C-alpha cells in the first residue's frame, strides 16, 4: 500500500518540482545537478525536502543511480504537466513563426527525410525563416528518452510502444508498393504473384520502424515464399541496388513515388496484400502545450495530413 501524501502548502517551491522532474528524467542525482546547475549537497537537500513534503522516499538508490518509487511514478505525469503549464504562462503564449528563432529536432527514417523534409523546408522558408530542422535517427529506447527529456521534439513514422506519456496524431495511412528496375519487357506491366515468388528481395529496416516484421511475415508466408536476398538499414540504400540488379523491394508508397522520378526505377502495386500502417507524429505529454510545437504539428497536418489527419484525430500511444 503506497504512503498517503501530506497536503501541499501554498509555499511549496516550484524549484523542488523542477528538481523532482529532473531526477525522474535522469535517474541520477549527479546528472540532475549538472542539468540544473546545482551542487550535490543542494540536490540532496532538495530531495530531502521533497520526501518530507510527500511523505515518501520518492527515489531509491541503486548501483547506477536511483529508481522512482511507485508513488513517484504516479506523481511524474501531473508534476510534468504542471511545470509545462507554468513554463507556458511565463513564455510568450502566442507563437509568431515569422519572428521565431528555434531548431526543431525530429526523429524520422531516411524515407521520411526524403518525403517530408523538402516540402517542410520550403514551407518554413516562406512562413518561418528563422526556424531550422535537425533530422535524427534513434532506436525505440533512445526515442522514448529523447522525447521525455526534450532532446527530441517529435518523432514521425509508425512507432508503437513509446509509452503512456506519449501523444500521437495520424497524418495519413501508408501502404507498401514495389520498386523494380525499368526494362522494356516489364515497363508499365503489373507485378504478378509468380514474378514476386521468383524474384529476390531487398528488405529495409531503419531504426525504430515497426513495419518489417509484418512485411516479412507476408513474404515468407506459405502463399508467397519469397526469397529475401538482402536486408539493409536504409530505404535509400535500396534504390541503387534495385537499379543495378534484378532484385525488387517493397517500400512505402509515398517514398516510392518520389524515388522513381529520379532514377532508373519503376513502381508497381504488390500482388499480395501488405498491412496498412498509420504514419503518425509522436510527442511527449510534458510538451503538449508548447506553442511552438503546437504550431509545428498543425503545420505538418496542413502539409501532409489526409482528411482524417486534418480533422485532428489524436490519441495516446
C-alpha atoms as a PDB file:
ATOM      1  CA  UNK A   1       0.000   0.000   0.000  1.00  0.00           C
ATOM      2  CA  UNK A   2       1.518   3.324  -1.035  1.00  0.00           C
ATOM      3  CA  UNK A   3       2.030   6.051   1.580  1.00  0.00           C
ATOM      4  CA  UNK A   4      -0.527   8.845   1.853  1.00  0.00           C
ATOM      5  CA  UNK A   5       0.962  12.128   0.654  1.00  0.00           C
ATOM      6  CA  UNK A   6       0.891  15.030   3.061  1.00  0.00           C
ATOM      7  CA  UNK A   7      -1.205  18.015   1.948  1.00  0.00           C
ATOM      8  CA  UNK A   8       0.636  20.502  -0.254  1.00  0.00           C
ATOM      9  CA  UNK A   9       1.003  24.028   1.067  1.00  0.00           C
ATOM     10  CA  UNK A  10       0.853  27.215  -0.938  1.00  0.00           C
ATOM     11  CA  UNK A  11       4.514  27.764  -0.108  1.00  0.00           C
ATOM     12  CA  UNK A  12       5.866  24.698  -1.937  1.00  0.00           C
ATOM     13  CA  UNK A  13       8.807  25.783  -4.064  1.00  0.00           C
ATOM     14  CA  UNK A  14       8.373  25.237  -7.776  1.00  0.00           C
ATOM     15  CA  UNK A  15      12.116  24.618  -7.917  1.00  0.00           C
ATOM     16  CA  UNK A  16      11.510  21.459  -5.896  1.00  0.00           C
ATOM     17  CA  UNK A  17       9.054  20.234  -8.505  1.00  0.00           C
ATOM     18  CA  UNK A  18      11.641  21.005 -11.189  1.00  0.00           C
ATOM     19  CA  UNK A  19      14.145  19.007  -9.149  1.00  0.00           C
ATOM     20  CA  UNK A  20      11.717  16.077  -8.873  1.00  0.00           C
ATOM     21  CA  UNK A  21      11.040  16.143 -12.623  1.00  0.00           C
ATOM     22  CA  UNK A  22      14.747  16.251 -13.490  1.00  0.00           C
ATOM     23  CA  UNK A  23      15.645  13.403 -11.139  1.00  0.00           C
ATOM     24  CA  UNK A  24      12.803  11.403 -12.666  1.00  0.00           C
ATOM     25  CA  UNK A  25      14.144  12.040 -16.161  1.00  0.00           C
ATOM     26  CA  UNK A  26      17.842  11.418 -15.451  1.00  0.00           C
ATOM     27  CA  UNK A  27      17.535   8.730 -12.732  1.00  0.00           C
ATOM     28  CA  UNK A  28      20.814  10.103 -11.416  1.00  0.00           C
ATOM     29  CA  UNK A  29      21.412  12.772  -8.755  1.00  0.00           C
ATOM     30  CA  UNK A  30      24.731  13.887 -10.234  1.00  0.00           C
ATOM     31  CA  UNK A  31      23.241  14.249 -13.719  1.00  0.00           C
ATOM     32  CA  UNK A  32      20.302  16.126 -12.214  1.00  0.00           C
ATOM     33  CA  UNK A  33      22.636  18.590 -10.549  1.00  0.00           C
ATOM     34  CA  UNK A  34      24.581  19.119 -13.764  1.00  0.00           C
ATOM     35  CA  UNK A  35      21.409  19.792 -15.737  1.00  0.00           C
ATOM     36  CA  UNK A  36      20.039  22.264 -13.178  1.00  0.00           C
ATOM     37  CA  UNK A  37      23.377  23.833 -12.231  1.00  0.00           C
ATOM     38  CA  UNK A  38      23.149  22.641  -8.609  1.00  0.00           C
ATOM     39  CA  UNK A  39      25.785  21.191  -6.287  1.00  0.00           C
ATOM     40  CA  UNK A  40      25.428  17.643  -4.990  1.00  0.00           C
ATOM     41  CA  UNK A  41      24.542  18.871  -1.451  1.00  0.00           C
ATOM     42  CA  UNK A  42      21.853  21.157  -2.927  1.00  0.00           C
ATOM     43  CA  UNK A  43      20.311  18.248  -4.834  1.00  0.00           C
ATOM     44  CA  UNK A  44      20.371  16.047  -1.724  1.00  0.00           C
ATOM     45  CA  UNK A  45      18.833  18.821   0.387  1.00  0.00           C
ATOM     46  CA  UNK A  46      16.078  19.394  -2.180  1.00  0.00           C
ATOM     47  CA  UNK A  47      15.309  15.694  -2.388  1.00  0.00           C
ATOM     48  CA  UNK A  48      15.066  15.542   1.397  1.00  0.00           C
ATOM     49  CA  UNK A  49      12.553  18.418   1.333  1.00  0.00           C
ATOM     50  CA  UNK A  50      10.513  16.605  -1.329  1.00  0.00           C
ATOM     51  CA  UNK A  51      10.495  13.418   0.735  1.00  0.00           C
ATOM     52  CA  UNK A  52       9.317  15.376   3.747  1.00  0.00           C
ATOM     53  CA  UNK A  53       6.600  17.126   1.739  1.00  0.00           C
ATOM     54  CA  UNK A  54       5.211  13.976   0.164  1.00  0.00           C
ATOM     55  CA  UNK A  55       5.903  11.515   2.974  1.00  0.00           C
ATOM     56  CA  UNK A  56       7.529   9.069   0.571  1.00  0.00           C
ATOM     57  CA  UNK A  57      11.149   8.154  -0.327  1.00  0.00           C
ATOM     58  CA  UNK A  58      10.343   9.015  -3.983  1.00  0.00           C
ATOM     59  CA  UNK A  59      13.689   7.723  -5.309  1.00  0.00           C
ATOM     60  CA  UNK A  60      15.663   4.718  -4.077  1.00  0.00           C
ATOM     61  CA  UNK A  61      19.420   4.459  -4.584  1.00  0.00           C
ATOM     62  CA  UNK A  62      20.646   1.628  -6.781  1.00  0.00           C
ATOM     63  CA  UNK A  63      24.085   0.664  -8.052  1.00  0.00           C
ATOM     64  CA  UNK A  64      23.736   3.005 -11.035  1.00  0.00           C
ATOM     65  CA  UNK A  65      21.680   5.980  -9.944  1.00  0.00           C
ATOM     66  CA  UNK A  66      18.186   5.959  -8.479  1.00  0.00           C
ATOM     67  CA  UNK A  67      14.817   4.432  -9.366  1.00  0.00           C
ATOM     68  CA  UNK A  68      11.421   6.047  -8.653  1.00  0.00           C
ATOM     69  CA  UNK A  69       9.059   4.520  -6.126  1.00  0.00           C
ATOM     70  CA  UNK A  70       5.530   3.595  -7.259  1.00  0.00           C
ATOM     71  CA  UNK A  71       4.292   6.835  -5.672  1.00  0.00           C
ATOM     72  CA  UNK A  72       6.886   8.850  -7.614  1.00  0.00           C
ATOM     73  CA  UNK A  73       5.746   7.141 -10.819  1.00  0.00           C
ATOM     74  CA  UNK A  74       2.204   8.330 -10.085  1.00  0.00           C
ATOM     75  CA  UNK A  75       3.439  11.872  -9.413  1.00  0.00           C
ATOM     76  CA  UNK A  76       5.565  12.126 -12.549  1.00  0.00           C
ATOM     77  CA  UNK A  77       2.821  12.926 -15.048  1.00  0.00           C
ATOM     78  CA  UNK A  78       0.921  15.600 -13.053  1.00  0.00           C
ATOM     79  CA  UNK A  79       4.191  17.232 -11.941  1.00  0.00           C
ATOM     80  CA  UNK A  80       5.495  17.381 -15.529  1.00  0.00           C
ATOM     81  CA  UNK A  81       2.155  18.732 -16.725  1.00  0.00           C
ATOM     82  CA  UNK A  82       2.090  21.395 -14.001  1.00  0.00           C
ATOM     83  CA  UNK A  83       5.625  22.520 -14.815  1.00  0.00           C
ATOM     84  CA  UNK A  84       4.829  22.781 -18.509  1.00  0.00           C
ATOM     85  CA  UNK A  85       1.748  24.861 -17.699  1.00  0.00           C
ATOM     86  CA  UNK A  86       3.875  27.232 -15.632  1.00  0.00           C
ATOM     87  CA  UNK A  87       6.509  27.466 -18.382  1.00  0.00           C
ATOM     88  CA  UNK A  88       3.837  28.241 -20.952  1.00  0.00           C
ATOM     89  CA  UNK A  89       2.414  31.085 -18.839  1.00  0.00           C
ATOM     90  CA  UNK A  90       5.892  32.568 -18.372  1.00  0.00           C
ATOM     91  CA  UNK A  91       6.857  32.266 -22.032  1.00  0.00           C
ATOM     92  CA  UNK A  92       5.046  34.008 -24.849  1.00  0.00           C
ATOM     93  CA  UNK A  93       1.578  32.483 -25.012  1.00  0.00           C
ATOM     94  CA  UNK A  94       1.366  33.065 -28.752  1.00  0.00           C
ATOM     95  CA  UNK A  95       3.982  31.729 -31.124  1.00  0.00           C
ATOM     96  CA  UNK A  96       4.851  34.006 -34.025  1.00  0.00           C
ATOM     97  CA  UNK A  97       6.634  31.808 -36.589  1.00  0.00           C
ATOM     98  CA  UNK A  98       7.868  34.745 -38.688  1.00  0.00           C
ATOM     99  CA  UNK A  99       9.848  36.156 -35.744  1.00  0.00           C
ATOM    100  CA  UNK A 100      10.854  32.858 -34.121  1.00  0.00           C
ATOM    101  CA  UNK A 101      14.411  31.508 -33.984  1.00  0.00           C
ATOM    102  CA  UNK A 102      14.370  27.862 -32.997  1.00  0.00           C
ATOM    103  CA  UNK A 103      15.568  24.468 -34.129  1.00  0.00           C
ATOM    104  CA  UNK A 104      13.122  21.553 -34.172  1.00  0.00           C
ATOM    105  CA  UNK A 105      14.645  18.116 -33.619  1.00  0.00           C
ATOM    106  CA  UNK A 106      12.557  15.479 -35.407  1.00  0.00           C
ATOM    107  CA  UNK A 107      13.266  11.737 -35.467  1.00  0.00           C
ATOM    108  CA  UNK A 108      12.350  10.006 -38.716  1.00  0.00           C
ATOM    109  CA  UNK A 109      13.592   7.359 -41.124  1.00  0.00           C
ATOM    110  CA  UNK A 110      15.520   8.104 -44.283  1.00  0.00           C
ATOM    111  CA  UNK A 111      12.317   7.525 -46.255  1.00  0.00           C
ATOM    112  CA  UNK A 112      10.677  10.122 -44.032  1.00  0.00           C
ATOM    113  CA  UNK A 113      13.514  12.559 -44.742  1.00  0.00           C
ATOM    114  CA  UNK A 114      13.025  12.135 -48.477  1.00  0.00           C
ATOM    115  CA  UNK A 115       9.254  12.565 -48.272  1.00  0.00           C
ATOM    116  CA  UNK A 116       8.757  15.200 -45.555  1.00  0.00           C
ATOM    117  CA  UNK A 117      11.793  17.473 -45.495  1.00  0.00           C
ATOM    118  CA  UNK A 118      11.781  19.096 -48.965  1.00  0.00           C
ATOM    119  CA  UNK A 119       8.189  20.275 -48.612  1.00  0.00           C
ATOM    120  CA  UNK A 120       8.575  21.175 -44.930  1.00  0.00           C
ATOM    121  CA  UNK A 121      11.733  23.250 -45.517  1.00  0.00           C
ATOM    122  CA  UNK A 122      10.102  25.094 -48.403  1.00  0.00           C
ATOM    123  CA  UNK A 123       7.142  25.884 -46.140  1.00  0.00           C
ATOM    124  CA  UNK A 124       9.421  27.105 -43.342  1.00  0.00           C
ATOM    125  CA  UNK A 125      11.303  29.314 -45.769  1.00  0.00           C
ATOM    126  CA  UNK A 126       8.044  31.052 -46.664  1.00  0.00           C
ATOM    127  CA  UNK A 127       6.404  31.190 -43.232  1.00  0.00           C
ATOM    128  CA  UNK A 128       9.117  30.802 -40.570  1.00  0.00           C
ATOM    129  CA  UNK A 129      12.538  31.741 -41.977  1.00  0.00           C
ATOM    130  CA  UNK A 130      14.240  31.708 -38.569  1.00  0.00           C
ATOM    131  CA  UNK A 131      13.315  28.090 -37.847  1.00  0.00           C
ATOM    132  CA  UNK A 132      15.680  25.221 -38.642  1.00  0.00           C
ATOM    133  CA  UNK A 133      15.226  21.458 -38.523  1.00  0.00           C
ATOM    134  CA  UNK A 134      17.547  18.698 -37.358  1.00  0.00           C
ATOM    135  CA  UNK A 135      16.605  15.203 -38.503  1.00  0.00           C
ATOM    136  CA  UNK A 136      17.592  12.414 -36.117  1.00  0.00           C
ATOM    137  CA  UNK A 137      17.771   8.635 -36.179  1.00  0.00           C
ATOM    138  CA  UNK A 138      17.136   6.771 -32.926  1.00  0.00           C
ATOM    139  CA  UNK A 139      16.114   3.341 -31.692  1.00  0.00           C
ATOM    140  CA  UNK A 140      12.995   2.826 -29.575  1.00  0.00           C
ATOM    141  CA  UNK A 141      14.739   3.351 -26.211  1.00  0.00           C
ATOM    142  CA  UNK A 142      16.515   6.493 -27.411  1.00  0.00           C
ATOM    143  CA  UNK A 143      13.257   7.845 -28.805  1.00  0.00           C
ATOM    144  CA  UNK A 144      11.397   7.386 -25.533  1.00  0.00           C
ATOM    145  CA  UNK A 145      14.162   9.004 -23.507  1.00  0.00           C
ATOM    146  CA  UNK A 146      14.706  11.798 -26.019  1.00  0.00           C
ATOM    147  CA  UNK A 147      11.026  12.735 -26.221  1.00  0.00           C
ATOM    148  CA  UNK A 148      10.787  12.760 -22.414  1.00  0.00           C
ATOM    149  CA  UNK A 149      13.892  14.914 -21.912  1.00  0.00           C
ATOM    150  CA  UNK A 150      13.157  17.315 -24.759  1.00  0.00           C
ATOM    151  CA  UNK A 151      16.266  16.291 -26.700  1.00  0.00           C
ATOM    152  CA  UNK A 152      13.841  15.131 -29.415  1.00  0.00           C
ATOM    153  CA  UNK A 153      10.836  17.369 -30.114  1.00  0.00           C
ATOM    154  CA  UNK A 154       8.883  14.928 -32.236  1.00  0.00           C
ATOM    155  CA  UNK A 155       9.063  11.533 -33.907  1.00  0.00           C
ATOM    156  CA  UNK A 156       7.385  10.612 -37.175  1.00  0.00           C
ATOM    157  CA  UNK A 157       6.595   7.169 -38.503  1.00  0.00           C
ATOM    158  CA  UNK A 158       4.864   4.018 -37.338  1.00  0.00           C
ATOM    159  CA  UNK A 159       6.342   3.546 -33.852  1.00  0.00           C
ATOM    160  CA  UNK A 160       4.064   1.720 -31.390  1.00  0.00           C
ATOM    161  CA  UNK A 161       5.229   1.099 -27.832  1.00  0.00           C
ATOM    162  CA  UNK A 162       6.642   4.521 -26.959  1.00  0.00           C
ATOM    163  CA  UNK A 163       4.763   4.644 -23.645  1.00  0.00           C
ATOM    164  CA  UNK A 164       1.727   6.053 -21.897  1.00  0.00           C
ATOM    165  CA  UNK A 165       3.059   9.626 -21.710  1.00  0.00           C
ATOM    166  CA  UNK A 166       3.364   9.892 -25.491  1.00  0.00           C
ATOM    167  CA  UNK A 167       0.699  11.546 -27.623  1.00  0.00           C
ATOM    168  CA  UNK A 168       0.253  10.655 -31.247  1.00  0.00           C
ATOM    169  CA  UNK A 169      -1.666  12.011 -34.213  1.00  0.00           C
ATOM    170  CA  UNK A 170      -2.147  10.254 -37.525  1.00  0.00           C
ATOM    171  CA  UNK A 171      -1.156  12.139 -40.656  1.00  0.00           C
ATOM    172  CA  UNK A 172      -2.174   9.530 -43.237  1.00  0.00           C
ATOM    173  CA  UNK A 173      -2.408   5.782 -43.799  1.00  0.00           C
ATOM    174  CA  UNK A 174       0.547   4.279 -45.655  1.00  0.00           C
ATOM    175  CA  UNK A 175       0.941   1.063 -47.622  1.00  0.00           C
ATOM    176  CA  UNK A 176       3.829  -0.686 -49.346  1.00  0.00           C
ATOM    177  CA  UNK A 177       4.452  -0.905 -53.065  1.00  0.00           C
ATOM    178  CA  UNK A 178       7.305  -2.417 -55.076  1.00  0.00           C
ATOM    179  CA  UNK A 179      10.190  -0.755 -56.850  1.00  0.00           C
ATOM    180  CA  UNK A 180      12.000  -2.596 -59.622  1.00  0.00           C
ATOM    181  CA  UNK A 181      14.453  -1.783 -62.362  1.00  0.00           C
ATOM    182  CA  UNK A 182      12.974  -0.354 -65.529  1.00  0.00           C
ATOM    183  CA  UNK A 183      13.107  -2.621 -68.547  1.00  0.00           C
ATOM    184  CA  UNK A 184      11.332  -2.751 -71.871  1.00  0.00           C
ATOM    185  CA  UNK A 185       9.955  -6.171 -71.011  1.00  0.00           C
ATOM    186  CA  UNK A 186       8.203  -5.084 -67.813  1.00  0.00           C
ATOM    187  CA  UNK A 187       7.680  -1.330 -68.099  1.00  0.00           C
ATOM    188  CA  UNK A 188       4.075  -0.484 -67.366  1.00  0.00           C
ATOM    189  CA  UNK A 189       3.190  -4.111 -66.651  1.00  0.00           C
ATOM    190  CA  UNK A 190       1.843  -5.200 -63.247  1.00  0.00           C
ATOM    191  CA  UNK A 191       3.971  -7.301 -60.933  1.00  0.00           C
ATOM    192  CA  UNK A 192       2.464 -10.781 -60.855  1.00  0.00           C
ATOM    193  CA  UNK A 193       2.454 -13.198 -57.947  1.00  0.00           C
ATOM    194  CA  UNK A 194       4.583 -15.590 -59.982  1.00  0.00           C
ATOM    195  CA  UNK A 195       7.169 -12.870 -60.626  1.00  0.00           C
ATOM    196  CA  UNK A 196       7.162 -11.920 -56.960  1.00  0.00           C
ATOM    197  CA  UNK A 197       7.768 -15.519 -55.886  1.00  0.00           C
ATOM    198  CA  UNK A 198      10.621 -15.909 -58.348  1.00  0.00           C
ATOM    199  CA  UNK A 199      12.309 -12.583 -57.569  1.00  0.00           C
ATOM    200  CA  UNK A 200      14.987 -11.983 -54.974  1.00  0.00           C
ATOM    201  CA  UNK A 201      14.027  -9.314 -52.456  1.00  0.00           C
ATOM    202  CA  UNK A 202      15.638  -6.496 -50.500  1.00  0.00           C
ATOM    203  CA  UNK A 203      14.125  -5.536 -47.156  1.00  0.00           C
ATOM    204  CA  UNK A 204      14.885  -2.215 -45.464  1.00  0.00           C
ATOM    205  CA  UNK A 205      14.528  -1.793 -41.686  1.00  0.00           C
ATOM    206  CA  UNK A 206      15.583   1.649 -40.420  1.00  0.00           C
ATOM    207  CA  UNK A 207      15.914   2.047 -36.614  1.00  0.00           C
ATOM    208  CA  UNK A 208      12.661   2.355 -34.602  1.00  0.00           C
ATOM    209  CA  UNK A 209      10.419   1.313 -37.506  1.00  0.00           C
ATOM    210  CA  UNK A 210       7.939  -1.497 -36.945  1.00  0.00           C
ATOM    211  CA  UNK A 211       6.811  -2.404 -40.442  1.00  0.00           C
ATOM    212  CA  UNK A 212       9.487  -5.028 -41.112  1.00  0.00           C
ATOM    213  CA  UNK A 213       8.000  -7.945 -39.167  1.00  0.00           C
ATOM    214  CA  UNK A 214       4.598  -7.582 -40.840  1.00  0.00           C
ATOM    215  CA  UNK A 215       6.048  -7.178 -44.348  1.00  0.00           C
ATOM    216  CA  UNK A 216       8.453 -10.059 -43.850  1.00  0.00           C
ATOM    217  CA  UNK A 217       5.634 -12.220 -42.494  1.00  0.00           C
ATOM    218  CA  UNK A 218       3.688 -11.778 -45.725  1.00  0.00           C
ATOM    219  CA  UNK A 219       6.698 -12.523 -47.917  1.00  0.00           C
ATOM    220  CA  UNK A 220       7.650 -15.679 -46.011  1.00  0.00           C
ATOM    221  CA  UNK A 221       4.101 -16.988 -45.730  1.00  0.00           C
ATOM    222  CA  UNK A 222       3.122 -20.244 -47.412  1.00  0.00           C
ATOM    223  CA  UNK A 223       1.158 -18.341 -50.026  1.00  0.00           C
ATOM    224  CA  UNK A 224       4.211 -16.382 -51.186  1.00  0.00           C
ATOM    225  CA  UNK A 225       7.505 -17.925 -50.024  1.00  0.00           C
ATOM    226  CA  UNK A 226       9.609 -15.113 -51.433  1.00  0.00           C
ATOM    227  CA  UNK A 227      13.398 -15.176 -51.278  1.00  0.00           C
ATOM    228  CA  UNK A 228      14.915 -12.375 -49.187  1.00  0.00           C
ATOM    229  CA  UNK A 229      18.421 -11.932 -50.528  1.00  0.00           C
ATOM    230  CA  UNK A 230      19.440  -8.764 -48.687  1.00  0.00           C
ATOM    231  CA  UNK A 231      18.497  -6.780 -45.584  1.00  0.00           C
ATOM    232  CA  UNK A 232      19.606  -3.159 -45.187  1.00  0.00           C
ATOM    233  CA  UNK A 233      19.019  -0.387 -42.635  1.00  0.00           C
ATOM    234  CA  UNK A 234      18.061   2.317 -45.123  1.00  0.00           C
ATOM    235  CA  UNK A 235      15.381   2.721 -47.770  1.00  0.00           C
ATOM    236  CA  UNK A 236      17.710   4.998 -49.728  1.00  0.00           C
ATOM    237  CA  UNK A 237      20.239   2.148 -49.925  1.00  0.00           C
ATOM    238  CA  UNK A 238      17.624   0.043 -51.674  1.00  0.00           C
ATOM    239  CA  UNK A 239      17.329   2.292 -54.727  1.00  0.00           C
ATOM    240  CA  UNK A 240      20.770   1.967 -56.387  1.00  0.00           C
ATOM    241  CA  UNK A 241      20.848  -1.755 -55.646  1.00  0.00           C
ATOM    242  CA  UNK A 242      17.485  -2.337 -57.311  1.00  0.00           C
ATOM    243  CA  UNK A 243      18.513  -0.096 -60.229  1.00  0.00           C
ATOM    244  CA  UNK A 244      21.656  -2.181 -60.865  1.00  0.00           C
ATOM    245  CA  UNK A 245      20.255  -5.687 -60.249  1.00  0.00           C
ATOM    246  CA  UNK A 246      17.176  -7.813 -60.820  1.00  0.00           C
ATOM    247  CA  UNK A 247      16.205  -7.569 -57.141  1.00  0.00           C
ATOM    248  CA  UNK A 248      12.892  -5.999 -56.170  1.00  0.00           C
ATOM    249  CA  UNK A 249      11.947  -4.243 -52.924  1.00  0.00           C
ATOM    250  CA  UNK A 250       8.784  -3.269 -51.024  1.00  0.00           C
ATOM    251  CA  UNK A 251       8.875   0.398 -49.950  1.00  0.00           C
ATOM    252  CA  UNK A 252       6.373   2.933 -48.546  1.00  0.00           C
ATOM    253  CA  UNK A 253       4.217   4.206 -51.384  1.00  0.00           C
ATOM    254  CA  UNK A 254       4.881   7.936 -50.932  1.00  0.00           C
ATOM    255  CA  UNK A 255       8.627   7.346 -50.825  1.00  0.00           C
ATOM    256  CA  UNK A 256       8.425   5.068 -53.851  1.00  0.00           C
ATOM    257  CA  UNK A 257       6.549   7.604 -55.952  1.00  0.00           C
ATOM    258  CA  UNK A 258       9.258  10.190 -55.287  1.00  0.00           C
ATOM    259  CA  UNK A 259      12.107   7.736 -55.804  1.00  0.00           C
ATOM    260  CA  UNK A 260      11.090   6.678 -59.303  1.00  0.00           C
ATOM    261  CA  UNK A 261      11.116  10.291 -60.527  1.00  0.00           C
ATOM    262  CA  UNK A 262      14.881  10.463 -60.158  1.00  0.00           C
ATOM    263  CA  UNK A 263      16.148   7.011 -61.014  1.00  0.00           C
ATOM    264  CA  UNK A 264      16.100   4.051 -63.365  1.00  0.00           C
ATOM    265  CA  UNK A 265      13.270   2.502 -61.388  1.00  0.00           C
ATOM    266  CA  UNK A 266       9.574   1.957 -61.767  1.00  0.00           C
ATOM    267  CA  UNK A 267       6.891   1.486 -59.170  1.00  0.00           C
ATOM    268  CA  UNK A 268       4.209  -1.201 -59.153  1.00  0.00           C
ATOM    269  CA  UNK A 269       1.497  -2.351 -56.809  1.00  0.00           C
ATOM    270  CA  UNK A 270       2.078  -5.521 -54.839  1.00  0.00           C
ATOM    271  CA  UNK A 271       0.166  -8.635 -55.932  1.00  0.00           C
ATOM    272  CA  UNK A 272      -0.029  -9.643 -52.249  1.00  0.00           C
ATOM    273  CA  UNK A 273      -1.672  -7.544 -49.558  1.00  0.00           C
ATOM    274  CA  UNK A 274       0.641  -5.898 -47.051  1.00  0.00           C
ATOM    275  CA  UNK A 275      -0.751  -4.346 -43.854  1.00  0.00           C
ATOM    276  CA  UNK A 276      -1.640  -0.651 -43.929  1.00  0.00           C
ATOM    277  CA  UNK A 277       0.318   1.441 -41.410  1.00  0.00           C
ATOM    278  CA  UNK A 278      -0.653   4.777 -39.906  1.00  0.00           C
ATOM    279  CA  UNK A 279       2.041   7.414 -40.381  1.00  0.00           C
ATOM    280  CA  UNK A 280       1.956   9.281 -37.066  1.00  0.00           C
ATOM    281  CA  UNK A 281       3.502  12.213 -35.234  1.00  0.00           C
ATOM    282  CA  UNK A 282       4.603  11.456 -31.649  1.00  0.00           C
ATOM    283  CA  UNK A 283       5.399  13.889 -28.831  1.00  0.00           C
ATOM    284  CA  UNK A 284       5.685  13.791 -25.046  1.00  0.00           C
ATOM    285  CA  UNK A 285       2.900  14.914 -22.734  1.00  0.00           C
ATOM    286  CA  UNK A 286       5.080  17.487 -20.980  1.00  0.00           C
ATOM    287  CA  UNK A 287       5.450  19.425 -24.256  1.00  0.00           C
ATOM    288  CA  UNK A 288       1.846  19.038 -25.370  1.00  0.00           C
ATOM    289  CA  UNK A 289       1.050  22.723 -24.684  1.00  0.00           C
ATOM    290  CA  UNK A 290       4.281  24.166 -26.083  1.00  0.00           C
ATOM    291  CA  UNK A 291       3.112  26.897 -28.519  1.00  0.00           C
ATOM    292  CA  UNK A 292       5.971  26.332 -30.984  1.00  0.00           C
ATOM    293  CA  UNK A 293       5.467  22.566 -31.130  1.00  0.00           C
ATOM    294  CA  UNK A 294       1.712  23.034 -31.414  1.00  0.00           C
ATOM    295  CA  UNK A 295       2.332  25.253 -34.437  1.00  0.00           C
ATOM    296  CA  UNK A 296       4.696  22.660 -35.927  1.00  0.00           C
ATOM    297  CA  UNK A 297       2.153  19.860 -35.529  1.00  0.00           C
ATOM    298  CA  UNK A 298      -0.601  21.956 -37.067  1.00  0.00           C
ATOM    299  CA  UNK A 299       1.675  22.883 -39.972  1.00  0.00           C
ATOM    300  CA  UNK A 300       2.550  19.237 -40.630  1.00  0.00           C
ATOM    301  CA  UNK A 301      -1.128  18.315 -40.636  1.00  0.00           C
ATOM    302  CA  UNK A 302      -1.827  21.039 -43.193  1.00  0.00           C
ATOM    303  CA  UNK A 303       1.104  19.972 -45.365  1.00  0.00           C
ATOM    304  CA  UNK A 304       0.759  16.198 -45.211  1.00  0.00           C
ATOM    305  CA  UNK A 305      -2.426  15.245 -43.402  1.00  0.00           C
ATOM    306  CA  UNK A 306      -5.170  13.209 -45.013  1.00  0.00           C
ATOM    307  CA  UNK A 307      -8.771  14.298 -44.433  1.00  0.00           C
ATOM    308  CA  UNK A 308      -8.749  12.271 -41.223  1.00  0.00           C
ATOM    309  CA  UNK A 309      -5.499  13.905 -40.069  1.00  0.00           C
ATOM    310  CA  UNK A 310      -6.832  17.380 -40.831  1.00  0.00           C
ATOM    311  CA  UNK A 311      -9.831  16.669 -38.624  1.00  0.00           C
ATOM    312  CA  UNK A 312      -7.269  16.387 -35.851  1.00  0.00           C
ATOM    313  CA  UNK A 313      -7.634  12.822 -34.594  1.00  0.00           C
ATOM    314  CA  UNK A 314      -5.315  12.475 -31.598  1.00  0.00           C
ATOM    315  CA  UNK A 315      -4.805   9.663 -29.169  1.00  0.00           C
ATOM    316  CA  UNK A 316      -2.238   8.337 -26.722  1.00  0.00           C
ATOM    317  CA  UNK A 317       0.188   5.566 -27.555  1.00  0.00           C
END
